[in-house]
Structures are given as structure tokens and as C-alpha cells.
Amino acid sequence: MKNLLLFSTLLLTSVGVFAQLTVKPNGAEDSYVYVSDQILYVTNETNLTRNGTANDQEASIYLRNNGQLIQGGTTSNNSGDGQLSVQQNTPETNAWAYYYWCSPIGNTGPVGSPVAAGNRNFGVKHLYEPDPLTSVTAAQQAATTTG
């Protein structure tokens, strides 16, 4: 009975420790998921740990060539300090056409209160231009319709 109680306690407390998708470096080795023209479906939360900058793979998940990350849960609370790198290329059109893209990440806390953990707000300062497949530089923003 003592062993059963101990096992049950360990099992129940470990459920809250792990996310459904966890990506983190393995010591000095970077770890990342590279999704190209596929859908990565996660039912619940993700936990991403930022890679070091020594090997140029700073992001935890790279979405390229229409790769998508879909989260199915409605109460998922993402955690970690990792990055999601999404490359969206659109053909040039004209000044009146636009492509709408937004981040699905938002603040999970009440309005006006700081959130210590979980989803965070996404902003323009997080937009970059791709160099090769897994490297980026800060994007230049234009105030005109001609770029």
C-alpha cells in the first residue's frame, strides 16, 4: 500500500511538469524542430527553451515553406523563453493589396496585470528578415506603400 501511494503521488505530480511539446538544448548542443510545408499539431501546451547563439540556431521551432504550428487546446499555457521562427514570403503586388498575418500568442493574464509565466504578447520588434534557413536579421520597416 505504501508503494502504491508513493507511485500515485509521483504520477500525479509529474503530470503538471511536462508540456506536450518540449524543445530544449541538450547541454552545449542546440535542439530545434524544423517544419517545412507540413503541419505540426500540438493538442496542449508547448515549452520552448532558447538555444545559445553560438551555433546560429537560436529559435526552438522553425516554420518554413508554409509550415504551420497548430495548437488544438483552448486552455494551453505555453511556457519557456524559446522562440518560434516563422518565414512568410508573399509575392509583390500593389499598394492596395495586403496579406494578413498575426501571431496566435497572447497574454493569458487579466488585463492590466503582469504575467510571470505563460503566453506573452507579440510585437513588431519580433519581426526579422531571414538570411539563410535558420538565421535572421532585424527587419527594416517602411513608412510608405512602396517599401
N, C-alpha and C. Protein backbone atom coordinates (compact mmCIF):
# COMPACT_ATOMS: atom_id res chain seq x y z
N MET A 1 0.82 -1.19 0.00
CA MET A 1 0.00 0.00 0.00
C MET A 1 0.87 1.26 0.00
N LYS A 2 1.98 1.20 0.77
CA LYS A 2 2.88 2.34 0.84
C LYS A 2 3.48 2.64 -0.54
N ASN A 3 3.89 1.60 -1.26
CA ASN A 3 4.46 1.78 -2.60
C ASN A 3 3.42 2.31 -3.58
N LEU A 4 2.20 1.85 -3.48
CA LEU A 4 1.14 2.32 -4.36
C LEU A 4 0.85 3.79 -4.12
N LEU A 5 0.83 4.21 -2.88
CA LEU A 5 0.60 5.61 -2.54
C LEU A 5 1.74 6.49 -3.06
N LEU A 6 2.97 6.05 -2.89
CA LEU A 6 4.12 6.79 -3.38
C LEU A 6 4.09 6.90 -4.91
N PHE A 7 3.81 5.79 -5.58
CA PHE A 7 3.73 5.80 -7.04
C PHE A 7 2.63 6.73 -7.53
N SER A 8 1.47 6.69 -6.90
CA SER A 8 0.35 7.55 -7.28
C SER A 8 0.70 9.02 -7.09
N THR A 9 1.37 9.35 -6.01
CA THR A 9 1.77 10.73 -5.75
C THR A 9 2.76 11.21 -6.80
N LEU A 10 3.75 10.40 -7.12
CA LEU A 10 4.73 10.78 -8.15
C LEU A 10 4.08 10.93 -9.52
N LEU A 11 3.17 10.05 -9.83
CA LEU A 11 2.49 10.11 -11.12
C LEU A 11 1.66 11.37 -11.24
N LEU A 12 0.92 11.71 -10.23
CA LEU A 12 0.05 12.88 -10.28
C LEU A 12 0.83 14.18 -10.25
N THR A 13 1.94 14.25 -9.54
CA THR A 13 2.71 15.49 -9.51
C THR A 13 3.54 15.67 -10.78
N SER A 14 3.89 14.61 -11.47
CA SER A 14 4.69 14.75 -12.68
C SER A 14 3.86 15.17 -13.88
N VAL A 15 2.55 15.05 -13.81
CA VAL A 15 1.70 15.42 -14.94
C VAL A 15 1.82 16.91 -15.23
N GLY A 16 1.89 17.76 -14.21
CA GLY A 16 1.97 19.20 -14.41
C GLY A 16 3.34 19.70 -14.80
N VAL A 17 4.36 18.86 -14.76
CA VAL A 17 5.72 19.28 -15.02
C VAL A 17 6.03 19.30 -16.51
N PHE A 18 5.45 18.43 -17.29
CA PHE A 18 5.81 18.26 -18.69
C PHE A 18 4.78 18.89 -19.62
N ALA A 19 5.25 19.56 -20.65
CA ALA A 19 4.38 20.06 -21.70
C ALA A 19 4.23 18.96 -22.74
N GLN A 20 3.23 19.08 -23.60
CA GLN A 20 3.06 18.07 -24.63
C GLN A 20 4.21 18.14 -25.64
N LEU A 21 4.68 19.34 -25.95
CA LEU A 21 5.84 19.51 -26.84
C LEU A 21 6.89 20.32 -26.09
N THR A 22 8.03 19.73 -25.86
CA THR A 22 9.14 20.41 -25.20
C THR A 22 10.35 20.36 -26.10
N VAL A 23 10.95 21.53 -26.36
CA VAL A 23 12.17 21.62 -27.16
C VAL A 23 13.18 22.41 -26.34
N LYS A 24 14.30 21.78 -25.98
CA LYS A 24 15.32 22.47 -25.20
C LYS A 24 16.69 21.95 -25.59
N PRO A 25 17.73 22.78 -25.40
CA PRO A 25 19.09 22.34 -25.74
C PRO A 25 19.52 21.15 -24.90
N ASN A 26 20.39 20.34 -25.48
CA ASN A 26 20.95 19.18 -24.78
C ASN A 26 22.38 19.53 -24.42
N GLY A 27 22.56 20.16 -23.27
CA GLY A 27 23.89 20.60 -22.87
C GLY A 27 24.36 21.72 -23.78
N ALA A 28 25.51 21.53 -24.44
CA ALA A 28 26.05 22.54 -25.36
C ALA A 28 25.47 22.39 -26.77
N GLU A 29 24.72 21.33 -27.03
CA GLU A 29 24.14 21.08 -28.35
C GLU A 29 22.77 21.75 -28.46
N ASP A 30 22.56 22.51 -29.53
CA ASP A 30 21.26 23.14 -29.78
C ASP A 30 20.25 22.10 -30.21
N SER A 31 18.99 22.35 -29.89
CA SER A 31 17.89 21.49 -30.33
C SER A 31 16.81 22.36 -30.94
N TYR A 32 16.27 21.91 -32.07
CA TYR A 32 15.17 22.64 -32.68
C TYR A 32 14.35 21.70 -33.54
N VAL A 33 13.14 22.14 -33.86
CA VAL A 33 12.24 21.41 -34.75
C VAL A 33 12.13 22.25 -36.02
N TYR A 34 12.37 21.64 -37.17
CA TYR A 34 12.31 22.32 -38.46
C TYR A 34 11.12 21.75 -39.23
N VAL A 35 10.12 22.59 -39.49
CA VAL A 35 8.89 22.16 -40.17
C VAL A 35 8.84 22.84 -41.53
N SER A 36 8.87 22.05 -42.60
CA SER A 36 8.83 22.58 -43.96
C SER A 36 7.62 22.00 -44.69
N ASP A 37 6.68 22.88 -45.03
CA ASP A 37 5.48 22.51 -45.80
C ASP A 37 4.68 21.39 -45.14
N GLN A 38 4.64 21.40 -43.81
CA GLN A 38 3.87 20.42 -43.04
C GLN A 38 3.14 21.13 -41.91
N ILE A 39 2.24 20.44 -41.26
CA ILE A 39 1.53 20.97 -40.09
C ILE A 39 2.03 20.23 -38.86
N LEU A 40 2.49 20.99 -37.87
CA LEU A 40 2.88 20.44 -36.58
C LEU A 40 1.71 20.71 -35.64
N TYR A 41 0.98 19.65 -35.25
CA TYR A 41 -0.22 19.79 -34.41
C TYR A 41 0.12 19.42 -32.97
N VAL A 42 -0.18 20.33 -32.05
CA VAL A 42 0.03 20.11 -30.63
C VAL A 42 -1.31 20.30 -29.94
N THR A 43 -1.76 19.29 -29.22
CA THR A 43 -3.07 19.36 -28.56
C THR A 43 -3.05 20.33 -27.39
N ASN A 44 -1.99 20.33 -26.62
CA ASN A 44 -1.93 21.17 -25.42
C ASN A 44 -0.77 22.15 -25.50
N GLU A 45 -0.10 22.35 -24.38
CA GLU A 45 0.91 23.40 -24.28
C GLU A 45 2.26 23.00 -24.86
N THR A 46 3.06 24.04 -25.14
CA THR A 46 4.44 23.85 -25.58
C THR A 46 5.37 24.52 -24.57
N ASN A 47 6.56 23.95 -24.43
CA ASN A 47 7.59 24.53 -23.57
C ASN A 47 8.85 24.62 -24.42
N LEU A 48 9.25 25.85 -24.75
CA LEU A 48 10.41 26.07 -25.60
C LEU A 48 11.51 26.74 -24.80
N THR A 49 12.72 26.19 -24.87
CA THR A 49 13.88 26.78 -24.20
C THR A 49 14.81 27.32 -25.27
N ARG A 50 15.21 28.56 -25.10
CA ARG A 50 16.04 29.24 -26.10
C ARG A 50 17.40 28.58 -26.23
N ASN A 51 17.84 28.40 -27.47
CA ASN A 51 19.17 27.88 -27.75
C ASN A 51 20.19 28.99 -27.57
N GLY A 52 21.45 28.61 -27.40
CA GLY A 52 22.52 29.58 -27.36
C GLY A 52 22.75 30.17 -28.74
N THR A 53 23.45 31.28 -28.82
CA THR A 53 23.67 31.93 -30.12
C THR A 53 24.95 31.45 -30.80
N ALA A 54 25.69 30.54 -30.20
CA ALA A 54 26.97 30.10 -30.76
C ALA A 54 26.81 29.34 -32.07
N ASN A 55 25.74 28.58 -32.23
CA ASN A 55 25.59 27.73 -33.42
C ASN A 55 24.59 28.27 -34.43
N ASP A 56 24.10 29.48 -34.26
CA ASP A 56 23.16 30.14 -35.18
C ASP A 56 21.79 29.50 -35.26
N GLN A 57 21.43 28.61 -34.35
CA GLN A 57 20.08 28.07 -34.29
C GLN A 57 19.42 28.59 -33.02
N GLU A 58 19.08 29.87 -33.02
CA GLU A 58 18.56 30.48 -31.80
C GLU A 58 17.12 30.08 -31.51
N ALA A 59 16.32 29.89 -32.54
CA ALA A 59 14.91 29.54 -32.33
C ALA A 59 14.76 28.07 -31.95
N SER A 60 13.63 27.77 -31.32
CA SER A 60 13.32 26.39 -30.93
C SER A 60 12.52 25.67 -32.00
N ILE A 61 11.68 26.42 -32.73
CA ILE A 61 10.89 25.84 -33.82
C ILE A 61 11.01 26.76 -35.03
N TYR A 62 11.35 26.19 -36.18
CA TYR A 62 11.42 26.92 -37.44
C TYR A 62 10.28 26.45 -38.33
N LEU A 63 9.44 27.38 -38.78
CA LEU A 63 8.36 27.06 -39.72
C LEU A 63 8.73 27.69 -41.06
N ARG A 64 8.95 26.86 -42.08
CA ARG A 64 9.37 27.33 -43.39
C ARG A 64 8.48 26.72 -44.47
N ASN A 65 8.43 27.39 -45.64
CA ASN A 65 7.69 26.90 -46.81
C ASN A 65 6.26 26.51 -46.45
N ASN A 66 5.54 27.43 -45.86
CA ASN A 66 4.14 27.24 -45.44
C ASN A 66 3.98 26.23 -44.31
N GLY A 67 5.02 25.96 -43.55
CA GLY A 67 4.91 25.13 -42.36
C GLY A 67 4.04 25.82 -41.33
N GLN A 68 3.24 25.06 -40.60
CA GLN A 68 2.29 25.63 -39.64
C GLN A 68 2.41 24.93 -38.29
N LEU A 69 2.22 25.69 -37.22
CA LEU A 69 2.08 25.14 -35.87
C LEU A 69 0.65 25.41 -35.44
N ILE A 70 -0.10 24.35 -35.18
CA ILE A 70 -1.49 24.47 -34.76
C ILE A 70 -1.61 23.91 -33.35
N GLN A 71 -2.18 24.71 -32.45
CA GLN A 71 -2.46 24.24 -31.10
C GLN A 71 -3.95 24.03 -30.97
N GLY A 72 -4.35 22.82 -30.56
CA GLY A 72 -5.76 22.48 -30.50
C GLY A 72 -6.43 22.76 -29.18
N GLY A 73 -5.70 22.82 -28.10
CA GLY A 73 -6.30 23.04 -26.79
C GLY A 73 -6.75 24.47 -26.59
N THR A 74 -7.80 24.65 -25.82
CA THR A 74 -8.30 26.01 -25.56
C THR A 74 -7.74 26.57 -24.27
N THR A 75 -7.12 25.75 -23.44
CA THR A 75 -6.58 26.23 -22.17
C THR A 75 -5.08 26.04 -22.09
N SER A 76 -4.42 25.94 -23.21
CA SER A 76 -2.97 25.72 -23.22
C SER A 76 -2.25 26.95 -22.69
N ASN A 77 -1.27 26.73 -21.84
CA ASN A 77 -0.47 27.80 -21.28
C ASN A 77 0.98 27.54 -21.66
N ASN A 78 1.44 28.14 -22.75
CA ASN A 78 2.79 27.92 -23.23
C ASN A 78 3.79 28.50 -22.24
N SER A 79 4.99 27.91 -22.21
CA SER A 79 5.99 28.38 -21.26
C SER A 79 7.37 28.32 -21.89
N GLY A 80 8.34 28.91 -21.19
CA GLY A 80 9.71 28.90 -21.63
C GLY A 80 10.11 30.20 -22.29
N ASP A 81 11.40 30.33 -22.59
CA ASP A 81 11.92 31.54 -23.22
C ASP A 81 12.38 31.28 -24.66
N GLY A 82 11.97 30.17 -25.23
CA GLY A 82 12.34 29.82 -26.60
C GLY A 82 11.63 30.68 -27.62
N GLN A 83 12.05 30.56 -28.86
CA GLN A 83 11.49 31.37 -29.94
C GLN A 83 10.89 30.48 -31.02
N LEU A 84 9.87 31.01 -31.66
CA LEU A 84 9.24 30.38 -32.80
C LEU A 84 9.58 31.25 -34.01
N SER A 85 10.24 30.68 -35.00
CA SER A 85 10.64 31.42 -36.18
C SER A 85 9.74 31.02 -37.34
N VAL A 86 8.98 31.99 -37.86
CA VAL A 86 8.05 31.75 -38.96
C VAL A 86 8.49 32.58 -40.15
N GLN A 87 8.72 31.93 -41.28
CA GLN A 87 9.07 32.65 -42.50
C GLN A 87 7.87 32.66 -43.42
N GLN A 88 7.35 33.84 -43.70
CA GLN A 88 6.21 34.01 -44.59
C GLN A 88 6.66 34.85 -45.78
N ASN A 89 6.70 34.28 -46.94
CA ASN A 89 7.06 35.01 -48.15
C ASN A 89 5.82 35.22 -49.00
N THR A 90 5.60 36.45 -49.40
CA THR A 90 4.44 36.77 -50.23
C THR A 90 4.92 37.45 -51.51
N PRO A 91 4.28 37.18 -52.62
CA PRO A 91 4.69 37.83 -53.86
C PRO A 91 4.35 39.32 -53.84
N GLU A 92 5.14 40.10 -54.55
CA GLU A 92 4.87 41.54 -54.64
C GLU A 92 3.61 41.76 -55.45
N THR A 93 2.77 42.68 -54.98
CA THR A 93 1.54 43.00 -55.71
C THR A 93 1.49 44.50 -55.96
N ASN A 94 0.58 45.21 -55.31
CA ASN A 94 0.49 46.65 -55.47
C ASN A 94 0.23 47.30 -54.12
N ALA A 95 0.09 48.62 -54.09
CA ALA A 95 -0.04 49.35 -52.83
C ALA A 95 -1.37 49.08 -52.13
N TRP A 96 -2.37 48.54 -52.82
CA TRP A 96 -3.69 48.34 -52.21
C TRP A 96 -3.91 46.90 -51.75
N ALA A 97 -3.05 46.01 -52.11
CA ALA A 97 -3.18 44.62 -51.70
C ALA A 97 -2.38 44.41 -50.41
N TYR A 98 -2.84 43.50 -49.59
CA TYR A 98 -2.10 43.19 -48.37
C TYR A 98 -2.30 41.73 -48.01
N TYR A 99 -1.41 41.21 -47.22
CA TYR A 99 -1.51 39.86 -46.69
C TYR A 99 -1.60 39.98 -45.18
N TYR A 100 -2.60 39.37 -44.61
CA TYR A 100 -2.81 39.46 -43.17
C TYR A 100 -2.13 38.29 -42.49
N TRP A 101 -1.30 38.59 -41.53
CA TRP A 101 -0.64 37.56 -40.74
C TRP A 101 -0.55 38.06 -39.32
N CYS A 102 -0.85 37.20 -38.38
CA CYS A 102 -0.71 37.60 -36.98
C CYS A 102 -0.24 36.42 -36.16
N SER A 103 0.29 36.72 -35.02
CA SER A 103 0.76 35.68 -34.12
C SER A 103 -0.40 35.21 -33.25
N PRO A 104 -0.51 33.92 -33.01
CA PRO A 104 -1.59 33.41 -32.16
C PRO A 104 -1.28 33.54 -30.68
N ILE A 105 -0.13 34.11 -30.34
CA ILE A 105 0.27 34.17 -28.94
C ILE A 105 -0.29 35.43 -28.31
N GLY A 106 -0.89 35.29 -27.16
CA GLY A 106 -1.45 36.43 -26.46
C GLY A 106 -1.24 36.32 -24.97
N ASN A 107 -1.56 37.38 -24.27
CA ASN A 107 -1.40 37.44 -22.83
C ASN A 107 -2.51 36.64 -22.16
N THR A 108 -2.15 35.68 -21.31
CA THR A 108 -3.16 34.85 -20.67
C THR A 108 -3.64 35.41 -19.35
N GLY A 109 -3.00 36.43 -18.83
CA GLY A 109 -3.40 37.01 -17.55
C GLY A 109 -4.50 38.04 -17.72
N PRO A 110 -5.09 38.51 -16.60
CA PRO A 110 -6.11 39.54 -16.67
C PRO A 110 -5.54 40.84 -17.23
N VAL A 111 -6.39 41.67 -17.82
CA VAL A 111 -5.96 42.93 -18.41
C VAL A 111 -5.36 43.81 -17.32
N GLY A 112 -4.20 44.38 -17.58
CA GLY A 112 -3.56 45.29 -16.64
C GLY A 112 -2.65 44.63 -15.62
N SER A 113 -2.60 43.32 -15.59
CA SER A 113 -1.74 42.65 -14.61
C SER A 113 -0.54 42.03 -15.32
N PRO A 114 0.63 42.09 -14.70
CA PRO A 114 1.80 41.44 -15.31
C PRO A 114 1.66 39.92 -15.25
N VAL A 115 2.14 39.27 -16.27
CA VAL A 115 2.07 37.81 -16.32
C VAL A 115 3.48 37.27 -16.13
N ALA A 116 3.67 36.46 -15.10
CA ALA A 116 5.00 35.94 -14.80
C ALA A 116 5.37 34.77 -15.71
N ALA A 117 4.39 33.99 -16.12
CA ALA A 117 4.69 32.82 -16.95
C ALA A 117 3.56 32.63 -17.94
N GLY A 118 3.81 31.83 -18.95
CA GLY A 118 2.76 31.53 -19.92
C GLY A 118 2.91 32.32 -21.19
N ASN A 119 1.83 32.44 -21.94
CA ASN A 119 1.87 33.13 -23.23
C ASN A 119 2.21 34.60 -23.04
N ARG A 120 2.88 35.17 -24.01
CA ARG A 120 3.28 36.57 -23.95
C ARG A 120 2.78 37.29 -25.20
N ASN A 121 2.69 38.60 -25.09
CA ASN A 121 2.27 39.40 -26.24
C ASN A 121 3.34 39.41 -27.32
N PHE A 122 2.89 39.50 -28.54
CA PHE A 122 3.77 39.53 -29.70
C PHE A 122 3.80 40.96 -30.20
N GLY A 123 4.95 41.46 -30.64
CA GLY A 123 5.04 42.83 -31.11
C GLY A 123 5.89 42.94 -32.35
N VAL A 124 5.90 44.14 -32.93
CA VAL A 124 6.63 44.40 -34.16
C VAL A 124 8.13 44.21 -33.96
N LYS A 125 8.63 44.42 -32.74
CA LYS A 125 10.06 44.26 -32.50
C LYS A 125 10.53 42.82 -32.69
N HIS A 126 9.61 41.90 -32.86
CA HIS A 126 9.96 40.50 -33.06
C HIS A 126 9.97 40.09 -34.53
N LEU A 127 9.92 41.03 -35.45
CA LEU A 127 9.94 40.72 -36.88
C LEU A 127 11.37 40.80 -37.40
N TYR A 128 11.76 39.78 -38.16
CA TYR A 128 13.12 39.71 -38.70
C TYR A 128 13.07 39.32 -40.16
N GLU A 129 14.18 39.57 -40.86
CA GLU A 129 14.34 39.12 -42.23
C GLU A 129 15.24 37.89 -42.23
N PRO A 130 14.88 36.86 -42.99
CA PRO A 130 15.72 35.65 -42.99
C PRO A 130 17.01 35.86 -43.77
N ASP A 131 18.08 35.26 -43.28
CA ASP A 131 19.33 35.23 -44.03
C ASP A 131 19.38 33.88 -44.73
N PRO A 132 19.96 32.84 -44.16
CA PRO A 132 19.74 31.50 -44.72
C PRO A 132 18.52 30.87 -44.03
N LEU A 133 18.43 29.58 -44.00
CA LEU A 133 17.24 28.91 -43.48
C LEU A 133 16.99 29.10 -42.00
N THR A 134 18.03 29.18 -41.17
CA THR A 134 17.82 29.26 -39.73
C THR A 134 18.48 30.47 -39.09
N SER A 135 18.80 31.51 -39.85
CA SER A 135 19.42 32.70 -39.30
C SER A 135 18.60 33.92 -39.71
N VAL A 136 18.60 34.98 -38.89
CA VAL A 136 17.78 36.15 -39.18
C VAL A 136 18.51 37.43 -38.82
N THR A 137 18.06 38.55 -39.40
CA THR A 137 18.49 39.89 -39.01
C THR A 137 17.23 40.72 -38.78
N ALA A 138 17.35 41.79 -38.01
CA ALA A 138 16.19 42.62 -37.70
C ALA A 138 15.60 43.19 -38.98
N ALA A 139 14.27 43.18 -39.09
CA ALA A 139 13.58 43.66 -40.29
C ALA A 139 13.58 45.18 -40.32
N GLN A 140 13.70 45.73 -41.52
CA GLN A 140 13.60 47.17 -41.72
C GLN A 140 12.15 47.50 -42.03
N GLN A 141 11.60 48.48 -41.34
CA GLN A 141 10.20 48.84 -41.56
C GLN A 141 10.11 50.09 -42.41
N ALA A 142 9.17 50.10 -43.34
CA ALA A 142 8.97 51.22 -44.24
C ALA A 142 7.68 51.94 -43.87
N ALA A 143 7.69 53.27 -43.96
CA ALA A 143 6.51 54.07 -43.64
C ALA A 143 5.71 54.42 -44.89
N THR A 144 6.11 53.89 -46.05
CA THR A 144 5.42 54.19 -47.29
C THR A 144 4.83 52.92 -47.89
N THR A 145 3.98 53.09 -48.88
CA THR A 145 3.37 51.93 -49.53
C THR A 145 4.26 51.35 -50.62
N THR A 146 5.38 52.00 -50.91
CA THR A 146 6.27 51.50 -51.96
C THR A 146 7.44 50.72 -51.39
N GLY A 147 7.53 50.60 -50.06
CA GLY A 147 8.57 49.80 -49.43
C GLY A 147 9.89 50.47 -49.43
